[in-house]
Amino acid sequence: MVWRMHDPREDASSCGIDIEVEGSPGIIEIDITNPDRPLFPRNGYTKADLVDYYRRIAPFMLPFIKERPVSMVRHPNGIDAPGFIQKNVPRGAPSWLRTENMPKQGGYVRHMVCEKTADLVYLANLDCITPHVWLSRVDRPECPDRMILDLDPGDDDFEVVKEAALLARELLSDDGLKGFVMTTGSRGMHVVVPLDRTADFDAVRSYAMGIADEMVQMDDRLTMERSVTEREGRLLVDVFRNAYAQTGVAPYAVRARDGAPVAAPLRWEELDDPDLGPRSFNIRNVWEKASKDPWSDIDFRGGRLPEQ
């Protein structure tokens, strides 16, 4: 497949960008609207920069989000203005865009599913800075193949986050499960566990709560209290993303923060770096990391929950 991205400020015949994308034969034409719109005003990053990032990161990002319903965090007026979450595919979506009707109580939600570069460019053209994806796939939405332990610090002490991630890794390993770690691009980290899809969300969440409870008992800097006042500055081990239709930030997704940080998959040994922070990677410096593919084996590590 070839898709063409044209800057409407110029003559399309002279400035089209042609990119070869594996897929069905055909041509996809995407007109990028308002490419000069400032999305990250203090950094000078525009909508065109966001489009270019998602165009280039697609080969590294798509393997982690394929077959998963997408929710969009859109910021049409840039990161200084309130954004909004959109789940339904917009009216007038192109026919080449894959969509799936995902059941909900009393009906369904028509979600987008990203499977090619053009899909990510389409999202960016909607001013979607951050795509979030389900923890399950469209063919078996009740049975997740990911579990997430969301490590949300109570302050700016990132060393506590690193230590909590390592503790989670140890406890998961004791149960025969493999954990993968990612900075969120915001404040904390996710420990992501690939699963074999034999358990439903209730069982996965129950297991995650057990791991979180062990962590809290072993380190008094951690808590499972979701209320900010009850947390008293402790790091929250949040397991409530592990539910039907809940989402996690997609690997390599941009966050709506100064500097355009991205959610960056890591190798565990990178946690030894004293300079590592939650926003160490951004749309300018993530490329070497992405090329090394630190999560290359995540889809081959799906584990089964231990008997409870």
Protein backbone atom coordinates (compact mmCIF):
# COMPACT_ATOMS: atom_id res chain seq x y z
CA MET A 1 0.00 0.00 0.00
CA VAL A 2 1.12 3.55 -0.66
CA TRP A 3 -0.38 6.48 1.16
CA ARG A 4 0.24 10.12 0.33
CA MET A 5 0.33 12.88 2.91
CA HIS A 6 -0.14 16.31 1.36
CA ASP A 7 0.43 19.65 3.03
CA PRO A 8 -2.58 21.71 1.92
CA ARG A 9 -0.48 24.89 2.08
CA GLU A 10 1.40 23.75 -1.01
CA ASP A 11 0.58 22.32 -4.40
CA ALA A 12 -0.12 18.65 -3.80
CA SER A 13 1.76 17.58 -6.92
CA SER A 14 5.00 19.11 -5.66
CA CYS A 15 5.01 18.30 -1.94
CA GLY A 16 3.33 14.94 -1.53
CA ILE A 17 5.18 12.50 0.72
CA ASP A 18 4.96 8.95 -0.59
CA ILE A 19 5.60 6.12 1.85
CA GLU A 20 5.54 2.40 1.14
CA VAL A 21 3.37 0.55 3.64
CA GLU A 22 2.72 -3.17 3.55
CA GLY A 23 -0.93 -3.98 3.06
CA SER A 24 -3.63 -4.22 0.45
CA PRO A 25 -3.03 -2.61 -2.96
CA GLY A 26 -4.22 0.94 -3.27
CA ILE A 27 -3.48 4.55 -2.44
CA ILE A 28 -4.54 6.38 0.70
CA GLU A 29 -4.52 10.17 0.56
CA ILE A 30 -4.57 12.11 3.82
CA ASP A 31 -4.79 15.90 3.77
CA ILE A 32 -3.22 17.25 6.93
CA THR A 33 -5.33 20.15 8.16
CA ASN A 34 -3.79 23.12 9.99
CA PRO A 35 -0.26 21.67 10.00
CA ASP A 36 1.17 24.84 11.59
CA ARG A 37 -1.17 24.65 14.58
CA PRO A 38 0.97 24.87 17.75
CA LEU A 39 0.32 21.89 19.99
CA PHE A 40 3.36 22.24 22.28
CA PRO A 41 3.77 26.03 22.28
CA ARG A 42 6.81 26.28 24.59
CA ASN A 43 8.71 23.78 22.46
CA GLY A 44 7.58 25.04 19.09
CA TYR A 45 6.12 21.67 18.12
CA THR A 46 3.20 21.84 15.72
CA LYS A 47 0.60 19.44 14.45
CA ALA A 48 2.91 18.70 11.52
CA ASP A 49 5.57 17.57 14.02
CA LEU A 50 3.06 15.25 15.69
CA VAL A 51 2.03 13.78 12.35
CA ASP A 52 5.66 13.27 11.37
CA TYR A 53 6.43 11.55 14.68
CA TYR A 54 3.58 9.06 14.37
CA ARG A 55 4.44 8.46 10.71
CA ARG A 56 8.02 7.58 11.64
CA ILE A 57 7.33 5.66 14.86
CA ALA A 58 4.66 3.47 13.26
CA PRO A 59 6.91 0.45 12.50
CA PHE A 60 7.96 0.31 16.16
CA MET A 61 4.58 1.16 17.70
CA LEU A 62 2.09 -0.82 15.64
CA PRO A 63 3.15 -4.29 16.87
CA PHE A 64 2.14 -3.27 20.41
CA ILE A 65 -1.30 -1.88 19.54
CA LYS A 66 -2.51 -4.07 16.69
CA GLU A 67 -5.88 -5.77 17.17
CA ARG A 68 -6.70 -3.49 20.13
CA PRO A 69 -9.52 -0.95 20.35
CA VAL A 70 -8.19 2.61 20.59
CA SER A 71 -9.36 5.55 22.67
CA MET A 72 -8.13 9.00 21.67
CA VAL A 73 -6.97 11.82 23.94
CA ARG A 74 -7.45 14.84 21.68
CA HIS A 75 -6.08 18.36 22.14
CA PRO A 76 -7.30 20.44 19.18
CA ASN A 77 -6.17 23.66 20.87
CA GLY A 78 -2.83 22.39 22.10
CA ILE A 79 -1.67 21.11 25.47
CA ASP A 80 -2.44 24.37 27.31
CA ALA A 81 -6.16 23.95 26.68
CA PRO A 82 -8.32 21.17 28.07
CA GLY A 83 -8.34 18.02 25.99
CA PHE A 84 -11.00 15.33 25.80
CA ILE A 85 -11.26 11.58 25.47
CA GLN A 86 -13.05 10.15 22.45
CA LYS A 87 -13.87 6.48 22.02
CA ASN A 88 -16.27 6.45 19.09
CA VAL A 89 -14.82 6.80 15.61
CA PRO A 90 -15.66 10.28 14.27
CA ARG A 91 -18.41 10.71 11.73
CA GLY A 92 -17.13 10.65 8.20
CA ALA A 93 -14.21 8.37 9.02
CA PRO A 94 -12.58 7.02 5.83
CA SER A 95 -13.56 3.60 4.55
CA TRP A 96 -9.97 2.35 4.74
CA LEU A 97 -9.95 2.80 8.52
CA ARG A 98 -10.60 -0.41 10.44
CA THR A 99 -13.34 -0.12 13.05
CA GLU A 100 -14.90 -2.63 15.42
CA ASN A 101 -18.14 -2.47 17.41
CA MET A 102 -17.20 -3.33 20.97
CA PRO A 103 -20.08 -4.36 23.23
CA LYS A 104 -21.08 -2.28 26.20
CA GLN A 105 -24.10 -2.33 28.47
CA GLY A 106 -27.09 -1.41 26.35
CA GLY A 107 -25.25 -1.18 23.05
CA TYR A 108 -21.78 -0.87 21.62
CA VAL A 109 -18.96 1.59 20.97
CA ARG A 110 -17.47 1.80 17.48
CA HIS A 111 -13.73 1.89 18.13
CA MET A 112 -10.87 2.43 15.77
CA VAL A 113 -8.23 -0.32 15.48
CA CYS A 114 -4.78 0.72 14.26
CA GLU A 115 -3.06 -1.65 11.86
CA LYS A 116 -1.07 0.54 9.46
CA THR A 117 0.92 3.76 9.34
CA ALA A 118 -1.94 5.69 7.78
CA ASP A 119 -4.10 4.93 10.84
CA LEU A 120 -1.65 6.63 13.19
CA VAL A 121 -1.37 9.59 10.83
CA TYR A 122 -5.17 9.81 10.78
CA LEU A 123 -5.17 9.95 14.60
CA ALA A 124 -2.57 12.70 14.64
CA ASN A 125 -4.59 14.64 12.06
CA LEU A 126 -7.44 14.59 14.62
CA ASP A 127 -5.07 16.24 17.12
CA CYS A 128 -4.96 12.98 19.06
CA ILE A 129 -1.76 13.46 21.02
CA THR A 130 -2.09 10.25 23.06
CA PRO A 131 -3.74 7.03 21.89
CA HIS A 132 -4.69 4.57 24.63
CA VAL A 133 -5.40 0.92 23.91
CA TRP A 134 -7.33 -1.90 25.51
CA LEU A 135 -5.59 -4.64 27.45
CA SER A 136 -7.45 -7.22 25.36
CA ARG A 137 -7.82 -7.82 21.63
CA VAL A 138 -10.93 -7.43 19.53
CA ASP A 139 -11.43 -11.17 18.95
CA ARG A 140 -11.65 -12.02 22.69
CA PRO A 141 -12.31 -8.76 24.48
CA GLU A 142 -13.21 -10.40 27.81
CA CYS A 143 -9.82 -12.15 28.12
CA PRO A 144 -6.84 -9.80 28.36
CA ASP A 145 -3.40 -10.61 27.07
CA ARG A 146 -1.91 -7.79 29.14
CA MET A 147 -1.97 -6.99 32.84
CA ILE A 148 -0.78 -3.59 34.03
CA LEU A 149 0.56 -2.50 37.39
CA ASP A 150 0.42 1.30 37.19
CA LEU A 151 3.00 2.85 39.52
CA ASP A 152 1.85 6.40 40.26
CA PRO A 153 4.17 8.32 42.63
CA GLY A 154 2.92 10.66 45.30
CA ASP A 155 5.81 13.07 44.69
CA ASP A 156 8.74 13.54 42.32
CA ASP A 157 10.94 10.82 43.85
CA PHE A 158 11.44 8.56 40.83
CA GLU A 159 13.78 6.23 42.72
CA VAL A 160 10.77 4.93 44.63
CA VAL A 161 9.06 4.20 41.30
CA LYS A 162 12.08 2.24 40.07
CA GLU A 163 12.30 0.24 43.29
CA ALA A 164 8.58 -0.54 43.18
CA ALA A 165 8.92 -1.76 39.59
CA LEU A 166 11.79 -4.06 40.56
CA LEU A 167 9.78 -5.41 43.49
CA ALA A 168 6.85 -6.12 41.18
CA ARG A 169 9.17 -7.90 38.77
CA GLU A 170 10.47 -10.13 41.56
CA LEU A 171 7.00 -11.09 42.77
CA LEU A 172 5.78 -11.78 39.25
CA SER A 173 8.82 -13.92 38.53
CA ASP A 174 8.09 -15.99 41.64
CA ASP A 175 4.78 -16.86 39.97
CA GLY A 176 6.40 -17.68 36.66
CA LEU A 177 5.33 -14.47 34.94
CA LYS A 178 7.50 -12.09 32.92
CA GLY A 179 7.20 -8.36 33.56
CA PHE A 180 8.08 -5.62 31.09
CA VAL A 181 8.67 -2.04 32.20
CA MET A 182 7.84 1.30 30.58
CA THR A 183 8.08 4.93 31.56
CA THR A 184 4.68 6.49 30.99
CA GLY A 185 5.95 9.86 29.78
CA SER A 186 3.95 11.41 32.61
CA ARG A 187 4.97 10.73 36.23
CA GLY A 188 5.38 7.03 36.78
CA MET A 189 5.90 3.62 35.24
CA HIS A 190 3.87 0.70 34.02
CA VAL A 191 4.87 -2.88 34.66
CA VAL A 192 3.20 -4.80 31.83
CA VAL A 193 2.65 -8.55 32.04
CA PRO A 194 1.84 -10.55 28.87
CA LEU A 195 -0.81 -13.23 29.44
CA ASP A 196 -2.04 -16.27 27.53
CA ARG A 197 -5.71 -15.16 27.52
CA THR A 198 -6.97 -18.09 29.56
CA ALA A 199 -8.22 -15.80 32.36
CA ASP A 200 -10.94 -13.15 32.24
CA PHE A 201 -10.61 -9.62 33.57
CA ASP A 202 -12.04 -10.46 36.98
CA ALA A 203 -9.41 -13.13 37.55
CA VAL A 204 -6.61 -10.92 36.24
CA ARG A 205 -7.63 -7.98 38.41
CA SER A 206 -7.91 -10.23 41.45
CA TYR A 207 -4.40 -11.53 40.86
CA ALA A 208 -3.06 -8.01 40.29
CA MET A 209 -4.61 -6.90 43.57
CA GLY A 210 -2.83 -9.75 45.32
CA ILE A 211 0.52 -8.66 43.88
CA ALA A 212 -0.16 -5.04 44.82
CA ASP A 213 -1.11 -6.05 48.36
CA GLU A 214 2.15 -7.96 48.73
CA MET A 215 4.08 -4.94 47.50
CA VAL A 216 2.35 -2.65 49.99
CA GLN A 217 3.08 -5.03 52.87
CA MET A 218 6.75 -5.18 51.91
CA ASP A 219 7.31 -1.43 51.44
CA ASP A 220 5.52 1.20 53.53
CA ARG A 221 6.18 3.84 50.86
CA LEU A 222 3.54 2.14 48.72
CA THR A 223 -0.24 2.11 48.96
CA MET A 224 -3.36 0.87 47.24
CA GLU A 225 -5.39 3.85 48.46
CA ARG A 226 -6.70 5.73 45.41
CA SER A 227 -7.79 8.83 47.35
CA VAL A 228 -5.06 11.48 47.22
CA THR A 229 -5.68 12.48 50.83
CA GLU A 230 -5.47 8.86 52.00
CA ARG A 231 -2.26 8.24 50.05
CA GLU A 232 -0.28 10.67 52.24
CA GLY A 233 2.45 11.05 49.62
CA ARG A 234 2.91 7.34 49.03
CA LEU A 235 3.20 5.69 45.64
CA LEU A 236 -0.06 4.21 44.38
CA VAL A 237 0.07 0.70 42.97
CA ASP A 238 -2.99 0.98 40.75
CA VAL A 239 -4.53 -2.22 39.37
CA PHE A 240 -7.87 -0.87 38.17
CA ARG A 241 -6.85 -0.60 34.53
CA ASN A 242 -7.32 -4.36 34.50
CA ALA A 243 -10.99 -4.29 33.55
CA TYR A 244 -13.11 -4.63 30.43
CA ALA A 245 -12.87 -1.54 28.16
CA GLN A 246 -10.22 0.11 30.36
CA THR A 247 -7.06 1.25 28.65
CA GLY A 248 -3.37 1.89 29.08
CA VAL A 249 -1.20 4.43 27.32
CA ALA A 250 0.18 2.90 24.13
CA PRO A 251 3.94 2.26 23.97
CA TYR A 252 5.64 5.18 22.19
CA ALA A 253 2.54 7.38 22.54
CA VAL A 254 3.18 11.10 23.02
CA ARG A 255 1.97 12.72 26.23
CA ALA A 256 0.38 16.17 26.49
CA ARG A 257 3.24 17.70 28.47
CA ASP A 258 5.98 20.20 27.73
CA GLY A 259 8.76 18.62 25.73
CA ALA A 260 6.44 16.10 24.05
CA PRO A 261 7.59 13.15 26.18
CA VAL A 262 6.67 9.64 25.09
CA ALA A 263 5.81 6.40 26.87
CA ALA A 264 9.04 4.46 26.42
CA PRO A 265 9.51 0.68 26.74
CA LEU A 266 12.70 -0.10 28.66
CA ARG A 267 15.11 -2.91 29.35
CA TRP A 268 15.19 -3.71 33.05
CA GLU A 269 18.87 -2.81 33.34
CA GLU A 270 18.02 0.76 32.34
CA LEU A 271 16.52 1.25 35.78
CA ASP A 272 20.10 1.33 37.08
CA ASP A 273 20.64 4.65 35.32
CA PRO A 274 20.47 7.40 37.98
CA ASP A 275 19.50 9.92 35.30
CA LEU A 276 16.43 7.97 34.16
CA GLY A 277 13.20 9.86 34.77
CA PRO A 278 9.56 9.45 33.77
CA ARG A 279 9.98 11.87 30.86
CA SER A 280 13.50 11.01 29.75
CA PHE A 281 12.35 10.14 26.24
CA ASN A 282 10.55 12.40 23.80
CA ILE A 283 9.73 12.76 20.12
CA ARG A 284 13.29 13.91 19.38
CA ASN A 285 15.45 11.40 21.27
CA VAL A 286 13.45 8.15 21.35
CA TRP A 287 14.69 6.81 18.01
CA GLU A 288 17.77 4.90 19.15
CA LYS A 289 15.73 3.27 21.90
CA ALA A 290 12.96 2.27 19.51
CA SER A 291 15.45 0.78 17.05
CA LYS A 292 16.77 -1.55 19.77
CA ASP A 293 13.23 -2.89 20.38
CA PRO A 294 13.48 -3.58 24.15
CA TRP A 295 10.12 -5.41 24.14
CA SER A 296 10.84 -7.57 21.11
CA ASP A 297 9.74 -10.79 22.81
CA ILE A 298 6.66 -9.58 24.71
CA ASP A 299 4.22 -11.42 22.43
CA PHE A 300 6.10 -14.68 22.98
CA ARG A 301 6.02 -14.48 26.76
CA GLY A 302 2.31 -14.83 27.48
CA GLY A 303 2.04 -16.44 30.88
CA ARG A 304 -0.76 -18.18 32.76
CA LEU A 305 -1.96 -16.92 36.09
CA PRO A 306 -1.12 -19.21 39.00
CA GLU A 307 -3.96 -21.14 40.61
CA GLN A 308 -5.65 -18.96 43.22
